[in-house]
Amino acid sequence: MTLDARTATAKDFDIAAQSKANSAWGFGVLTVIIFYFFSLWALIPGALTLLMIIQSVSATKQASNLRNGTYKIPNPNNGIDDSE
């Protein structure tokens, strides 16, 4: 999922964060299964799991910044709480 940082709302970032978190769980399970059978090859899905976690945390932080009005990129939604 790709967001336009100049027009995205905090809710858009929340949706992206949840999507990345779900992917992290999937890659985490895959990592365990691959580790059980092929040990060293588990590094690849393990790295993808770590990447998804980092992206999820980043999207959550950007949503928080938008809600607080401290988002660094010019965005008309800066400071608007659309969490309903």
C-alpha atoms as a PDB file:
ATOM      1  CA  MET A   1       0.000   0.000   0.000  1.00  0.00           C
ATOM      2  CA  THR A   2       1.446   3.339  -1.044  1.00  0.00           C
ATOM      3  CA  LEU A   3       0.355   6.593   0.538  1.00  0.00           C
ATOM      4  CA  ASP A   4       0.773  10.113  -0.745  1.00  0.00           C
ATOM      5  CA  ALA A   5       2.410  11.782   2.267  1.00  0.00           C
ATOM      6  CA  ARG A   6       1.123  15.210   1.220  1.00  0.00           C
ATOM      7  CA  THR A   7      -2.576  14.295   1.253  1.00  0.00           C
ATOM      8  CA  ALA A   8      -2.916  11.228   3.506  1.00  0.00           C
ATOM      9  CA  THR A   9      -4.971  11.394   6.674  1.00  0.00           C
ATOM     10  CA  ALA A  10      -4.064   9.894  10.028  1.00  0.00           C
ATOM     11  CA  LYS A  11      -6.664   7.192   9.389  1.00  0.00           C
ATOM     12  CA  ASP A  12      -4.853   6.265   6.148  1.00  0.00           C
ATOM     13  CA  PHE A  13      -1.628   5.824   8.113  1.00  0.00           C
ATOM     14  CA  ASP A  14      -3.477   3.733  10.718  1.00  0.00           C
ATOM     15  CA  ILE A  15      -4.784   1.430   7.983  1.00  0.00           C
ATOM     16  CA  ALA A  16      -1.292   1.093   6.497  1.00  0.00           C
ATOM     17  CA  ALA A  17       0.175   0.356   9.940  1.00  0.00           C
ATOM     18  CA  GLN A  18      -2.384  -2.392  10.566  1.00  0.00           C
ATOM     19  CA  SER A  19      -1.723  -3.887   7.148  1.00  0.00           C
ATOM     20  CA  LYS A  20       2.028  -3.984   7.829  1.00  0.00           C
ATOM     21  CA  ALA A  21       1.436  -5.478  11.285  1.00  0.00           C
ATOM     22  CA  ASN A  22      -0.686  -8.242   9.762  1.00  0.00           C
ATOM     23  CA  SER A  23       2.065  -8.945   7.235  1.00  0.00           C
ATOM     24  CA  ALA A  24       4.619  -9.082  10.049  1.00  0.00           C
ATOM     25  CA  TRP A  25       2.586 -11.783  11.814  1.00  0.00           C
ATOM     26  CA  GLY A  26       2.390 -13.789   8.588  1.00  0.00           C
ATOM     27  CA  PHE A  27       6.110 -13.500   7.913  1.00  0.00           C
ATOM     28  CA  GLY A  28       6.811 -14.343  11.556  1.00  0.00           C
ATOM     29  CA  VAL A  29       4.881 -17.607  11.300  1.00  0.00           C
ATOM     30  CA  LEU A  30       6.601 -18.376   8.003  1.00  0.00           C
ATOM     31  CA  THR A  31       9.984 -17.692   9.631  1.00  0.00           C
ATOM     32  CA  VAL A  32       9.289 -20.202  12.402  1.00  0.00           C
ATOM     33  CA  ILE A  33       8.171 -22.872   9.937  1.00  0.00           C
ATOM     34  CA  ILE A  34      11.189 -22.358   7.669  1.00  0.00           C
ATOM     35  CA  PHE A  35      13.535 -22.303  10.674  1.00  0.00           C
ATOM     36  CA  TYR A  36      12.162 -25.652  11.819  1.00  0.00           C
ATOM     37  CA  PHE A  37      12.888 -27.316   8.480  1.00  0.00           C
ATOM     38  CA  PHE A  38      15.762 -25.347   6.940  1.00  0.00           C
ATOM     39  CA  SER A  39      17.278 -23.292   9.838  1.00  0.00           C
ATOM     40  CA  LEU A  40      19.619 -20.850   8.053  1.00  0.00           C
ATOM     41  CA  TRP A  41      17.131 -20.024   5.279  1.00  0.00           C
ATOM     42  CA  ALA A  42      14.874 -18.512   7.926  1.00  0.00           C
ATOM     43  CA  LEU A  43      17.002 -15.356   7.789  1.00  0.00           C
ATOM     44  CA  ILE A  44      15.202 -14.189   4.647  1.00  0.00           C
ATOM     45  CA  PRO A  45      11.620 -14.194   6.003  1.00  0.00           C
ATOM     46  CA  GLY A  46      13.052 -13.070   9.357  1.00  0.00           C
ATOM     47  CA  ALA A  47      14.456  -9.952   7.698  1.00  0.00           C
ATOM     48  CA  LEU A  48      11.101  -9.346   6.005  1.00  0.00           C
ATOM     49  CA  THR A  49       9.373  -9.697   9.379  1.00  0.00           C
ATOM     50  CA  LEU A  50      11.682  -7.074  10.864  1.00  0.00           C
ATOM     51  CA  LEU A  51      11.067  -4.755   7.897  1.00  0.00           C
ATOM     52  CA  MET A  52       7.283  -5.048   8.280  1.00  0.00           C
ATOM     53  CA  ILE A  53       7.540  -4.277  12.009  1.00  0.00           C
ATOM     54  CA  ILE A  54       9.642  -1.180  11.321  1.00  0.00           C
ATOM     55  CA  GLN A  55       7.210   0.022   8.648  1.00  0.00           C
ATOM     56  CA  SER A  56       4.228  -0.540  10.935  1.00  0.00           C
ATOM     57  CA  VAL A  57       5.805   1.444  13.771  1.00  0.00           C
ATOM     58  CA  SER A  58       6.764   4.207  11.338  1.00  0.00           C
ATOM     59  CA  ALA A  59       3.223   4.488   9.947  1.00  0.00           C
ATOM     60  CA  THR A  60       1.826   4.630  13.490  1.00  0.00           C
ATOM     61  CA  LYS A  61       4.289   7.407  14.355  1.00  0.00           C
ATOM     62  CA  GLN A  62       3.317   9.394  11.264  1.00  0.00           C
ATOM     63  CA  ALA A  63      -0.376   9.070  12.148  1.00  0.00           C
ATOM     64  CA  SER A  64       0.405  10.375  15.618  1.00  0.00           C
ATOM     65  CA  ASN A  65       2.403  13.268  14.164  1.00  0.00           C
ATOM     66  CA  LEU A  66      -0.509  14.191  11.878  1.00  0.00           C
ATOM     67  CA  ARG A  67      -2.955  14.165  14.780  1.00  0.00           C
ATOM     68  CA  ASN A  68      -0.627  16.284  16.944  1.00  0.00           C
ATOM     69  CA  GLY A  69       0.077  18.797  14.177  1.00  0.00           C
ATOM     70  CA  THR A  70       3.809  17.995  14.105  1.00  0.00           C
ATOM     71  CA  TYR A  71       3.940  16.250  10.718  1.00  0.00           C
ATOM     72  CA  LYS A  72       7.051  17.501   8.879  1.00  0.00           C
ATOM     73  CA  ILE A  73       5.713  17.341   5.298  1.00  0.00           C
ATOM     74  CA  PRO A  74       3.176  19.995   4.218  1.00  0.00           C
ATOM     75  CA  ASN A  75      -0.222  18.299   4.493  1.00  0.00           C
ATOM     76  CA  PRO A  76      -3.700  19.902   4.751  1.00  0.00           C
ATOM     77  CA  ASN A  77      -4.649  17.271   7.369  1.00  0.00           C
ATOM     78  CA  ASN A  78      -1.884  18.284   9.780  1.00  0.00           C
ATOM     79  CA  GLY A  79      -3.414  18.717  13.243  1.00  0.00           C
ATOM     80  CA  ILE A  80      -6.756  17.122  12.375  1.00  0.00           C
ATOM     81  CA  ASP A  81      -7.885  14.185  14.514  1.00  0.00           C
ATOM     82  CA  ASP A  82      -9.936  11.939  12.219  1.00  0.00           C
ATOM     83  CA  SER A  83      -9.807   8.856  14.441  1.00  0.00           C
ATOM     84  CA  GLU A  84     -13.613   8.800  15.050  1.00  0.00           C
END
